[in-house]
Amino acid sequence: MAGLSMRNITCDYYMERPNGFNRPKLHATAGARVPIIRMFGILHTGQKCCVNVHGVFPYIIVRTGTPFTPEFARTLRARFIRIVTENNRRHRFNPDFAIYEIRPLLAK
């Protein structure tokens, strides 16, 4: 795969229905929209460019102090679902869409 290098000038995003670039990773409901990041910049040749980045989703890193087990992951998922649903009562909420994956991250 060829690389692309650009000087980033500004970024924004827009919400769009899943498409061929991001559909396989999602458990989206009909009508759901996903973020697409637009990066505006300049290539090393001086040409201006706009790069659309698909498949980038918000993530949260939680320091737990507890060993990561499948049971802990289920408990954590249930707590996140409860928090989100309690704070978004007016909106329909699909937890499989909002929480794609819970996995351990080891750091020193």
PDB file of N, CA and C in Angstrom:
ATOM      1  N   MET A   1       0.839  -1.176   0.000  1.00  0.00           N
ATOM      2  CA  MET A   1       0.000   0.000   0.000  1.00  0.00           C
ATOM      3  C   MET A   1       0.885   1.242   0.000  1.00  0.00           C
ATOM      4  N   ALA A   2       0.611   2.167  -0.870  1.00  0.00           N
ATOM      5  CA  ALA A   2       1.377   3.406  -0.965  1.00  0.00           C
ATOM      6  C   ALA A   2       1.025   4.325   0.199  1.00  0.00           C
ATOM      7  N   GLY A   3       2.009   5.070   0.667  1.00  0.00           N
ATOM      8  CA  GLY A   3       1.775   5.999   1.756  1.00  0.00           C
ATOM      9  C   GLY A   3       1.365   7.370   1.249  1.00  0.00           C
ATOM     10  N   LEU A   4       0.781   8.139   2.132  1.00  0.00           N
ATOM     11  CA  LEU A   4       0.383   9.508   1.816  1.00  0.00           C
ATOM     12  C   LEU A   4       0.864  10.384   2.950  1.00  0.00           C
ATOM     13  N   SER A   5       1.598  11.422   2.611  1.00  0.00           N
ATOM     14  CA  SER A   5       2.093  12.352   3.608  1.00  0.00           C
ATOM     15  C   SER A   5       1.604  13.743   3.250  1.00  0.00           C
ATOM     16  N   MET A   6       1.028  14.426   4.237  1.00  0.00           N
ATOM     17  CA  MET A   6       0.526  15.778   3.995  1.00  0.00           C
ATOM     18  C   MET A   6       0.696  16.614   5.249  1.00  0.00           C
ATOM     19  N   ARG A   7       0.789  17.914   5.052  1.00  0.00           N
ATOM     20  CA  ARG A   7       0.800  18.841   6.182  1.00  0.00           C
ATOM     21  C   ARG A   7      -0.651  19.168   6.468  1.00  0.00           C
ATOM     22  N   ASN A   8      -1.089  18.840   7.669  1.00  0.00           N
ATOM     23  CA  ASN A   8      -2.480  19.050   8.046  1.00  0.00           C
ATOM     24  C   ASN A   8      -2.723  20.524   8.367  1.00  0.00           C
ATOM     25  N   ILE A   9      -3.703  21.117   7.698  1.00  0.00           N
ATOM     26  CA  ILE A   9      -4.059  22.510   7.941  1.00  0.00           C
ATOM     27  C   ILE A   9      -5.257  22.594   8.878  1.00  0.00           C
ATOM     28  N   THR A  10      -6.279  21.818   8.579  1.00  0.00           N
ATOM     29  CA  THR A  10      -7.470  21.816   9.427  1.00  0.00           C
ATOM     30  C   THR A  10      -8.211  20.493   9.265  1.00  0.00           C
ATOM     31  N   CYS A  11      -9.004  20.150  10.256  1.00  0.00           N
ATOM     32  CA  CYS A  11      -9.820  18.932  10.221  1.00  0.00           C
ATOM     33  C   CYS A  11     -11.241  19.270  10.637  1.00  0.00           C
ATOM     34  N   ASP A  12     -12.180  18.526  10.102  1.00  0.00           N
ATOM     35  CA  ASP A  12     -13.547  18.565  10.594  1.00  0.00           C
ATOM     36  C   ASP A  12     -14.133  17.181  10.374  1.00  0.00           C
ATOM     37  N   TYR A  13     -15.403  17.037  10.620  1.00  0.00           N
ATOM     38  CA  TYR A  13     -16.034  15.743  10.388  1.00  0.00           C
ATOM     39  C   TYR A  13     -17.472  15.965   9.968  1.00  0.00           C
ATOM     40  N   TYR A  14     -18.049  14.929   9.403  1.00  0.00           N
ATOM     41  CA  TYR A  14     -19.472  14.938   9.097  1.00  0.00           C
ATOM     42  C   TYR A  14     -20.008  13.543   9.372  1.00  0.00           C
ATOM     43  N   MET A  15     -21.310  13.450   9.530  1.00  0.00           N
ATOM     44  CA  MET A  15     -21.969  12.178   9.818  1.00  0.00           C
ATOM     45  C   MET A  15     -22.645  11.680   8.545  1.00  0.00           C
ATOM     46  N   GLU A  16     -22.434  10.411   8.231  1.00  0.00           N
ATOM     47  CA  GLU A  16     -22.994   9.825   7.008  1.00  0.00           C
ATOM     48  C   GLU A  16     -23.409   8.386   7.284  1.00  0.00           C
ATOM     49  N   ARG A  17     -24.315   7.879   6.464  1.00  0.00           N
ATOM     50  CA  ARG A  17     -24.729   6.478   6.591  1.00  0.00           C
ATOM     51  C   ARG A  17     -23.535   5.570   6.272  1.00  0.00           C
ATOM     52  N   PRO A  18     -23.453   4.402   6.942  1.00  0.00           N
ATOM     53  CA  PRO A  18     -22.353   3.477   6.648  1.00  0.00           C
ATOM     54  C   PRO A  18     -22.318   3.104   5.166  1.00  0.00           C
ATOM     55  N   ASN A  19     -21.095   2.934   4.658  1.00  0.00           N
ATOM     56  CA  ASN A  19     -20.916   2.572   3.253  1.00  0.00           C
ATOM     57  C   ASN A  19     -19.870   1.468   3.157  1.00  0.00           C
ATOM     58  N   GLY A  20     -19.382   1.209   1.988  1.00  0.00           N
ATOM     59  CA  GLY A  20     -18.425   0.132   1.781  1.00  0.00           C
ATOM     60  C   GLY A  20     -17.121   0.273   2.547  1.00  0.00           C
ATOM     61  N   PHE A  21     -16.770   1.482   2.975  1.00  0.00           N
ATOM     62  CA  PHE A  21     -15.527   1.686   3.710  1.00  0.00           C
ATOM     63  C   PHE A  21     -15.655   1.333   5.183  1.00  0.00           C
ATOM     64  N   ASN A  22     -16.853   1.447   5.753  1.00  0.00           N
ATOM     65  CA  ASN A  22     -16.981   1.253   7.194  1.00  0.00           C
ATOM     66  C   ASN A  22     -18.094   0.302   7.611  1.00  0.00           C
ATOM     67  N   ARG A  23     -18.846  -0.246   6.707  1.00  0.00           N
ATOM     68  CA  ARG A  23     -19.958  -1.127   7.072  1.00  0.00           C
ATOM     69  C   ARG A  23     -19.527  -2.424   7.750  1.00  0.00           C
ATOM     70  N   PRO A  24     -18.478  -3.125   7.319  1.00  0.00           N
ATOM     71  CA  PRO A  24     -18.166  -4.427   7.916  1.00  0.00           C
ATOM     72  C   PRO A  24     -17.912  -4.396   9.417  1.00  0.00           C
ATOM     73  N   LYS A  25     -17.447  -3.292   9.963  1.00  0.00           N
ATOM     74  CA  LYS A  25     -17.114  -3.223  11.378  1.00  0.00           C
ATOM     75  C   LYS A  25     -18.317  -2.907  12.258  1.00  0.00           C
ATOM     76  N   LEU A  26     -19.415  -2.502  11.675  1.00  0.00           N
ATOM     77  CA  LEU A  26     -20.516  -1.970  12.466  1.00  0.00           C
ATOM     78  C   LEU A  26     -21.660  -2.946  12.651  1.00  0.00           C
ATOM     79  N   HIS A  27     -22.372  -2.739  13.758  1.00  0.00           N
ATOM     80  CA  HIS A  27     -23.633  -3.423  14.012  1.00  0.00           C
ATOM     81  C   HIS A  27     -24.718  -2.352  13.939  1.00  0.00           C
ATOM     82  N   ALA A  28     -24.734  -1.599  12.868  1.00  0.00           N
ATOM     83  CA  ALA A  28     -25.577  -0.407  12.779  1.00  0.00           C
ATOM     84  C   ALA A  28     -27.036  -0.748  12.508  1.00  0.00           C
ATOM     85  N   THR A  29     -27.906   0.077  13.066  1.00  0.00           N
ATOM     86  CA  THR A  29     -29.321  -0.028  12.766  1.00  0.00           C
ATOM     87  C   THR A  29     -29.608   0.799  11.525  1.00  0.00           C
ATOM     88  N   ALA A  30     -30.744   0.562  10.916  1.00  0.00           N
ATOM     89  CA  ALA A  30     -31.121   1.317   9.714  1.00  0.00           C
ATOM     90  C   ALA A  30     -31.180   2.804  10.037  1.00  0.00           C
ATOM     91  N   GLY A  31     -30.617   3.602   9.183  1.00  0.00           N
ATOM     92  CA  GLY A  31     -30.645   5.047   9.366  1.00  0.00           C
ATOM     93  C   GLY A  31     -29.537   5.596  10.245  1.00  0.00           C
ATOM     94  N   ALA A  32     -28.731   4.718  10.865  1.00  0.00           N
ATOM     95  CA  ALA A  32     -27.644   5.189  11.726  1.00  0.00           C
ATOM     96  C   ALA A  32     -26.597   5.900  10.881  1.00  0.00           C
ATOM     97  N   ARG A  33     -25.936   6.875  11.475  1.00  0.00           N
ATOM     98  CA  ARG A  33     -24.883   7.616  10.792  1.00  0.00           C
ATOM     99  C   ARG A  33     -23.580   7.449  11.567  1.00  0.00           C
ATOM    100  N   VAL A  34     -22.472   7.476  10.840  1.00  0.00           N
ATOM    101  CA  VAL A  34     -21.157   7.301  11.442  1.00  0.00           C
ATOM    102  C   VAL A  34     -20.276   8.496  11.090  1.00  0.00           C
ATOM    103  N   PRO A  35     -19.269   8.794  11.937  1.00  0.00           N
ATOM    104  CA  PRO A  35     -18.405   9.936  11.652  1.00  0.00           C
ATOM    105  C   PRO A  35     -17.398   9.640  10.542  1.00  0.00           C
ATOM    106  N   ILE A  36     -17.171  10.636   9.702  1.00  0.00           N
ATOM    107  CA  ILE A  36     -16.126  10.589   8.679  1.00  0.00           C
ATOM    108  C   ILE A  36     -15.287  11.849   8.865  1.00  0.00           C
ATOM    109  N   ILE A  37     -13.996  11.666   9.079  1.00  0.00           N
ATOM    110  CA  ILE A  37     -13.098  12.795   9.325  1.00  0.00           C
ATOM    111  C   ILE A  37     -12.583  13.310   7.989  1.00  0.00           C
ATOM    112  N   ARG A  38     -12.615  14.642   7.825  1.00  0.00           N
ATOM    113  CA  ARG A  38     -12.025  15.282   6.635  1.00  0.00           C
ATOM    114  C   ARG A  38     -10.784  16.031   7.079  1.00  0.00           C
ATOM    115  N   MET A  39      -9.680  15.737   6.425  1.00  0.00           N
ATOM    116  CA  MET A  39      -8.419  16.419   6.711  1.00  0.00           C
ATOM    117  C   MET A  39      -8.031  17.229   5.480  1.00  0.00           C
ATOM    118  N   PHE A  40      -7.901  18.534   5.660  1.00  0.00           N
ATOM    119  CA  PHE A  40      -7.501  19.427   4.578  1.00  0.00           C
ATOM    120  C   PHE A  40      -6.037  19.783   4.787  1.00  0.00           C
ATOM    121  N   GLY A  41      -5.247  19.669   3.736  1.00  0.00           N
ATOM    122  CA  GLY A  41      -3.833  19.949   3.890  1.00  0.00           C
ATOM    123  C   GLY A  41      -3.121  20.157   2.570  1.00  0.00           C
ATOM    124  N   ILE A  42      -1.791  20.085   2.652  1.00  0.00           N
ATOM    125  CA  ILE A  42      -0.933  20.326   1.495  1.00  0.00           C
ATOM    126  C   ILE A  42       0.052  19.167   1.377  1.00  0.00           C
ATOM    127  N   LEU A  43       0.165  18.611   0.165  1.00  0.00           N
ATOM    128  CA  LEU A  43       1.130  17.552  -0.103  1.00  0.00           C
ATOM    129  C   LEU A  43       2.534  18.136  -0.209  1.00  0.00           C
ATOM    130  N   HIS A  44       3.562  17.290  -0.150  1.00  0.00           N
ATOM    131  CA  HIS A  44       4.946  17.782  -0.256  1.00  0.00           C
ATOM    132  C   HIS A  44       5.216  18.428  -1.615  1.00  0.00           C
ATOM    133  N   THR A  45       4.366  18.149  -2.615  1.00  0.00           N
ATOM    134  CA  THR A  45       4.510  18.759  -3.941  1.00  0.00           C
ATOM    135  C   THR A  45       3.872  20.144  -4.013  1.00  0.00           C
ATOM    136  N   GLY A  46       3.181  20.537  -2.930  1.00  0.00           N
ATOM    137  CA  GLY A  46       2.517  21.835  -2.904  1.00  0.00           C
ATOM    138  C   GLY A  46       1.049  21.778  -3.287  1.00  0.00           C
ATOM    139  N   GLN A  47       0.587  20.623  -3.747  1.00  0.00           N
ATOM    140  CA  GLN A  47      -0.823  20.492  -4.109  1.00  0.00           C
ATOM    141  C   GLN A  47      -1.693  20.444  -2.857  1.00  0.00           C
ATOM    142  N   LYS A  48      -2.861  21.071  -2.950  1.00  0.00           N
ATOM    143  CA  LYS A  48      -3.823  21.021  -1.854  1.00  0.00           C
ATOM    144  C   LYS A  48      -4.593  19.714  -1.939  1.00  0.00           C
ATOM    145  N   CYS A  49      -5.010  19.198  -0.781  1.00  0.00           N
ATOM    146  CA  CYS A  49      -5.748  17.935  -0.797  1.00  0.00           C
ATOM    147  C   CYS A  49      -6.769  17.880   0.332  1.00  0.00           C
ATOM    148  N   CYS A  50      -7.721  16.994   0.172  1.00  0.00           N
ATOM    149  CA  CYS A  50      -8.706  16.686   1.199  1.00  0.00           C
ATOM    150  C   CYS A  50      -8.755  15.171   1.325  1.00  0.00           C
ATOM    151  N   VAL A  51      -8.518  14.665   2.531  1.00  0.00           N
ATOM    152  CA  VAL A  51      -8.524  13.230   2.786  1.00  0.00           C
ATOM    153  C   VAL A  51      -9.734  12.907   3.655  1.00  0.00           C
ATOM    154  N   ASN A  52     -10.562  11.968   3.205  1.00  0.00           N
ATOM    155  CA  ASN A  52     -11.700  11.493   3.990  1.00  0.00           C
ATOM    156  C   ASN A  52     -11.283  10.214   4.695  1.00  0.00           C
ATOM    157  N   VAL A  53     -11.359  10.209   6.016  1.00  0.00           N
ATOM    158  CA  VAL A  53     -10.924   9.063   6.812  1.00  0.00           C
ATOM    159  C   VAL A  53     -12.158   8.363   7.375  1.00  0.00           C
ATOM    160  N   HIS A  54     -12.363   7.116   6.955  1.00  0.00           N
ATOM    161  CA  HIS A  54     -13.506   6.324   7.401  1.00  0.00           C
ATOM    162  C   HIS A  54     -13.070   5.347   8.484  1.00  0.00           C
ATOM    163  N   GLY A  55     -14.005   4.925   9.301  1.00  0.00           N
ATOM    164  CA  GLY A  55     -13.745   3.871  10.276  1.00  0.00           C
ATOM    165  C   GLY A  55     -13.063   4.327  11.545  1.00  0.00           C
ATOM    166  N   VAL A  56     -13.047   5.620  11.825  1.00  0.00           N
ATOM    167  CA  VAL A  56     -12.467   6.132  13.058  1.00  0.00           C
ATOM    168  C   VAL A  56     -13.619   6.478  13.991  1.00  0.00           C
ATOM    169  N   PHE A  57     -13.618   5.864  15.153  1.00  0.00           N
ATOM    170  CA  PHE A  57     -14.704   6.074  16.097  1.00  0.00           C
ATOM    171  C   PHE A  57     -14.144   6.506  17.443  1.00  0.00           C
ATOM    172  N   PRO A  58     -14.943   7.208  18.225  1.00  0.00           N
ATOM    173  CA  PRO A  58     -14.483   7.622  19.557  1.00  0.00           C
ATOM    174  C   PRO A  58     -14.149   6.403  20.415  1.00  0.00           C
ATOM    175  N   TYR A  59     -13.187   6.553  21.289  1.00  0.00           N
ATOM    176  CA  TYR A  59     -12.851   5.479  22.205  1.00  0.00           C
ATOM    177  C   TYR A  59     -12.603   6.060  23.581  1.00  0.00           C
ATOM    178  N   ILE A  60     -12.718   5.210  24.571  1.00  0.00           N
ATOM    179  CA  ILE A  60     -12.499   5.600  25.960  1.00  0.00           C
ATOM    180  C   ILE A  60     -11.486   4.626  26.541  1.00  0.00           C
ATOM    181  N   ILE A  61     -10.520   5.155  27.272  1.00  0.00           N
ATOM    182  CA  ILE A  61      -9.575   4.305  27.989  1.00  0.00           C
ATOM    183  C   ILE A  61      -9.882   4.459  29.471  1.00  0.00           C
ATOM    184  N   VAL A  62     -10.119   3.334  30.129  1.00  0.00           N
ATOM    185  CA  VAL A  62     -10.489   3.333  31.540  1.00  0.00           C
ATOM    186  C   VAL A  62      -9.442   2.555  32.319  1.00  0.00           C
ATOM    187  N   ARG A  63      -8.836   3.204  33.300  1.00  0.00           N
ATOM    188  CA  ARG A  63      -7.912   2.496  34.190  1.00  0.00           C
ATOM    189  C   ARG A  63      -8.765   1.835  35.268  1.00  0.00           C
ATOM    190  N   THR A  64      -8.669   0.522  35.381  1.00  0.00           N
ATOM    191  CA  THR A  64      -9.579  -0.205  36.261  1.00  0.00           C
ATOM    192  C   THR A  64      -8.945  -0.683  37.556  1.00  0.00           C
ATOM    193  N   GLY A  65      -7.677  -1.050  37.518  1.00  0.00           N
ATOM    194  CA  GLY A  65      -7.059  -1.607  38.712  1.00  0.00           C
ATOM    195  C   GLY A  65      -7.553  -3.019  39.012  1.00  0.00           C
ATOM    196  N   THR A  66      -8.233  -3.620  38.043  1.00  0.00           N
ATOM    197  CA  THR A  66      -8.802  -4.959  38.189  1.00  0.00           C
ATOM    198  C   THR A  66      -8.310  -5.819  37.029  1.00  0.00           C
ATOM    199  N   PRO A  67      -8.007  -7.082  37.272  1.00  0.00           N
ATOM    200  CA  PRO A  67      -7.623  -7.950  36.151  1.00  0.00           C
ATOM    201  C   PRO A  67      -8.753  -8.029  35.118  1.00  0.00           C
ATOM    202  N   PHE A  68      -8.380  -8.011  33.857  1.00  0.00           N
ATOM    203  CA  PHE A  68      -9.376  -8.049  32.786  1.00  0.00           C
ATOM    204  C   PHE A  68      -9.783  -9.493  32.524  1.00  0.00           C
ATOM    205  N   THR A  69     -11.074  -9.764  32.668  1.00  0.00           N
ATOM    206  CA  THR A  69     -11.640 -11.086  32.395  1.00  0.00           C
ATOM    207  C   THR A  69     -12.877 -10.894  31.528  1.00  0.00           C
ATOM    208  N   PRO A  70     -13.368 -11.946  30.886  1.00  0.00           N
ATOM    209  CA  PRO A  70     -14.615 -11.817  30.121  1.00  0.00           C
ATOM    210  C   PRO A  70     -15.783 -11.343  30.991  1.00  0.00           C
ATOM    211  N   GLU A  71     -15.830 -11.803  32.238  1.00  0.00           N
ATOM    212  CA  GLU A  71     -16.901 -11.359  33.144  1.00  0.00           C
ATOM    213  C   GLU A  71     -16.789  -9.859  33.427  1.00  0.00           C
ATOM    214  N   PHE A  72     -15.549  -9.384  33.639  1.00  0.00           N
ATOM    215  CA  PHE A  72     -15.347  -7.953  33.870  1.00  0.00           C
ATOM    216  C   PHE A  72     -15.774  -7.145  32.646  1.00  0.00           C
ATOM    217  N   ALA A  73     -15.462  -7.632  31.441  1.00  0.00           N
ATOM    218  CA  ALA A  73     -15.864  -6.937  30.212  1.00  0.00           C
ATOM    219  C   ALA A  73     -17.386  -6.849  30.113  1.00  0.00           C
ATOM    220  N   ARG A  74     -18.096  -7.928  30.466  1.00  0.00           N
ATOM    221  CA  ARG A  74     -19.569  -7.901  30.437  1.00  0.00           C
ATOM    222  C   ARG A  74     -20.118  -6.902  31.448  1.00  0.00           C
ATOM    223  N   THR A  75     -19.521  -6.870  32.643  1.00  0.00           N
ATOM    224  CA  THR A  75     -19.957  -5.919  33.673  1.00  0.00           C
ATOM    225  C   THR A  75     -19.721  -4.485  33.221  1.00  0.00           C
ATOM    226  N   LEU A  76     -18.558  -4.226  32.652  1.00  0.00           N
ATOM    227  CA  LEU A  76     -18.230  -2.885  32.169  1.00  0.00           C
ATOM    228  C   LEU A  76     -19.187  -2.460  31.060  1.00  0.00           C
ATOM    229  N   ARG A  77     -19.473  -3.356  30.120  1.00  0.00           N
ATOM    230  CA  ARG A  77     -20.419  -3.067  29.039  1.00  0.00           C
ATOM    231  C   ARG A  77     -21.796  -2.731  29.610  1.00  0.00           C
ATOM    232  N   ALA A  78     -22.261  -3.518  30.568  1.00  0.00           N
ATOM    233  CA  ALA A  78     -23.580  -3.278  31.173  1.00  0.00           C
ATOM    234  C   ALA A  78     -23.628  -1.914  31.851  1.00  0.00           C
ATOM    235  N   ARG A  79     -22.558  -1.535  32.523  1.00  0.00           N
ATOM    236  CA  ARG A  79     -22.530  -0.218  33.187  1.00  0.00           C
ATOM    237  C   ARG A  79     -22.541   0.921  32.172  1.00  0.00           C
ATOM    238  N   PHE A  80     -21.758   0.787  31.104  1.00  0.00           N
ATOM    239  CA  PHE A  80     -21.762   1.821  30.061  1.00  0.00           C
ATOM    240  C   PHE A  80     -23.134   1.942  29.417  1.00  0.00           C
ATOM    241  N   ILE A  81     -23.760   0.813  29.125  1.00  0.00           N
ATOM    242  CA  ILE A  81     -25.094   0.842  28.516  1.00  0.00           C
ATOM    243  C   ILE A  81     -26.082   1.546  29.441  1.00  0.00           C
ATOM    244  N   ARG A  82     -26.028   1.225  30.727  1.00  0.00           N
ATOM    245  CA  ARG A  82     -26.939   1.863  31.686  1.00  0.00           C
ATOM    246  C   ARG A  82     -26.714   3.376  31.734  1.00  0.00           C
ATOM    247  N   ILE A  83     -25.468   3.807  31.784  1.00  0.00           N
ATOM    248  CA  ILE A  83     -25.169   5.243  31.840  1.00  0.00           C
ATOM    249  C   ILE A  83     -25.686   5.954  30.595  1.00  0.00           C
ATOM    250  N   VAL A  84     -25.422   5.382  29.422  1.00  0.00           N
ATOM    251  CA  VAL A  84     -25.830   6.030  28.173  1.00  0.00           C
ATOM    252  C   VAL A  84     -27.346   6.055  28.031  1.00  0.00           C
ATOM    253  N   THR A  85     -28.014   4.955  28.346  1.00  0.00           N
ATOM    254  CA  THR A  85     -29.477   4.932  28.191  1.00  0.00           C
ATOM    255  C   THR A  85     -30.158   5.848  29.190  1.00  0.00           C
ATOM    256  N   GLU A  86     -29.634   5.940  30.409  1.00  0.00           N
ATOM    257  CA  GLU A  86     -30.236   6.828  31.410  1.00  0.00           C
ATOM    258  C   GLU A  86     -30.073   8.294  31.030  1.00  0.00           C
ATOM    259  N   ASN A  87     -29.026   8.615  30.297  1.00  0.00           N
ATOM    260  CA  ASN A  87     -28.777  10.004  29.923  1.00  0.00           C
ATOM    261  C   ASN A  87     -29.274  10.355  28.526  1.00  0.00           C
ATOM    262  N   ASN A  88     -29.883   9.413  27.833  1.00  0.00           N
ATOM    263  CA  ASN A  88     -30.415   9.651  26.486  1.00  0.00           C
ATOM    264  C   ASN A  88     -31.809   9.052  26.356  1.00  0.00           C
ATOM    265  N   ARG A  89     -32.670   9.368  27.274  1.00  0.00           N
ATOM    266  CA  ARG A  89     -34.003   8.762  27.290  1.00  0.00           C
ATOM    267  C   ARG A  89     -34.830   9.127  26.064  1.00  0.00           C
ATOM    268  N   ARG A  90     -34.581  10.272  25.459  1.00  0.00           N
ATOM    269  CA  ARG A  90     -35.389  10.703  24.310  1.00  0.00           C
ATOM    270  C   ARG A  90     -34.952  10.051  23.004  1.00  0.00           C
ATOM    271  N   HIS A  91     -33.786   9.427  22.981  1.00  0.00           N
ATOM    272  CA  HIS A  91     -33.256   8.846  21.744  1.00  0.00           C
ATOM    273  C   HIS A  91     -33.220   7.332  21.851  1.00  0.00           C
ATOM    274  N   ARG A  92     -33.555   6.668  20.754  1.00  0.00           N
ATOM    275  CA  ARG A  92     -33.423   5.211  20.717  1.00  0.00           C
ATOM    276  C   ARG A  92     -31.938   4.878  20.740  1.00  0.00           C
ATOM    277  N   PHE A  93     -31.591   3.875  21.477  1.00  0.00           N
ATOM    278  CA  PHE A  93     -30.185   3.546  21.697  1.00  0.00           C
ATOM    279  C   PHE A  93     -29.942   2.073  21.381  1.00  0.00           C
ATOM    280  N   ASN A  94     -29.014   1.805  20.481  1.00  0.00           N
ATOM    281  CA  ASN A  94     -28.617   0.440  20.160  1.00  0.00           C
ATOM    282  C   ASN A  94     -27.228   0.208  20.754  1.00  0.00           C
ATOM    283  N   PRO A  95     -27.121  -0.527  21.869  1.00  0.00           N
ATOM    284  CA  PRO A  95     -25.815  -0.697  22.515  1.00  0.00           C
ATOM    285  C   PRO A  95     -24.784  -1.395  21.642  1.00  0.00           C
ATOM    286  N   ASP A  96     -25.209  -2.271  20.730  1.00  0.00           N
ATOM    287  CA  ASP A  96     -24.241  -2.932  19.857  1.00  0.00           C
ATOM    288  C   ASP A  96     -23.597  -1.953  18.887  1.00  0.00           C
ATOM    289  N   PHE A  97     -24.300  -0.866  18.574  1.00  0.00           N
ATOM    290  CA  PHE A  97     -23.749   0.153  17.688  1.00  0.00           C
ATOM    291  C   PHE A  97     -22.841   1.104  18.464  1.00  0.00           C
ATOM    292  N   ALA A  98     -23.248   1.454  19.668  1.00  0.00           N
ATOM    293  CA  ALA A  98     -22.491   2.433  20.450  1.00  0.00           C
ATOM    294  C   ALA A  98     -21.226   1.843  21.064  1.00  0.00           C
ATOM    295  N   ILE A  99     -21.257   0.577  21.423  1.00  0.00           N
ATOM    296  CA  ILE A  99     -20.093  -0.065  22.036  1.00  0.00           C
ATOM    297  C   ILE A  99     -19.646  -1.187  21.112  1.00  0.00           C
ATOM    298  N   TYR A 100     -18.648  -0.914  20.325  1.00  0.00           N
ATOM    299  CA  TYR A 100     -18.184  -1.897  19.344  1.00  0.00           C
ATOM    300  C   TYR A 100     -17.378  -3.009  20.008  1.00  0.00           C
ATOM    301  N   GLU A 101     -16.467  -2.624  20.900  1.00  0.00           N
ATOM    302  CA  GLU A 101     -15.568  -3.624  21.462  1.00  0.00           C
ATOM    303  C   GLU A 101     -15.043  -3.140  22.801  1.00  0.00           C
ATOM    304  N   ILE A 102     -14.881  -4.062  23.726  1.00  0.00           N
ATOM    305  CA  ILE A 102     -14.201  -3.784  24.988  1.00  0.00           C
ATOM    306  C   ILE A 102     -13.032  -4.748  25.051  1.00  0.00           C
ATOM    307  N   ARG A 103     -11.834  -4.200  25.192  1.00  0.00           N
ATOM    308  CA  ARG A 103     -10.653  -5.060  25.230  1.00  0.00           C
ATOM    309  C   ARG A 103      -9.602  -4.448  26.146  1.00  0.00           C
ATOM    310  N   PRO A 104      -8.683  -5.272  26.652  1.00  0.00           N
ATOM    311  CA  PRO A 104      -7.649  -4.748  27.546  1.00  0.00           C
ATOM    312  C   PRO A 104      -6.574  -3.991  26.771  1.00  0.00           C
ATOM    313  N   LEU A 105      -6.013  -3.003  27.416  1.00  0.00           N
ATOM    314  CA  LEU A 105      -4.897  -2.245  26.870  1.00  0.00           C
ATOM    315  C   LEU A 105      -3.819  -2.232  27.945  1.00  0.00           C
ATOM    316  N   LEU A 106      -2.709  -2.832  27.660  1.00  0.00           N
ATOM    317  CA  LEU A 106      -1.629  -2.901  28.633  1.00  0.00           C
ATOM    318  C   LEU A 106      -0.634  -1.786  28.373  1.00  0.00           C
ATOM    319  N   ALA A 107      -0.252  -1.093  29.435  1.00  0.00           N
ATOM    320  CA  ALA A 107       0.711   0.006  29.317  1.00  0.00           C
ATOM    321  C   ALA A 107       1.643  -0.027  30.516  1.00  0.00           C
ATOM    322  N   LYS A 108       2.839   0.495  30.308  1.00  0.00           N
ATOM    323  CA  LYS A 108       3.816   0.562  31.403  1.00  0.00           C
ATOM    324  C   LYS A 108       3.830   1.938  31.991  1.00  0.00           C
TER     325      LYS A 108
END
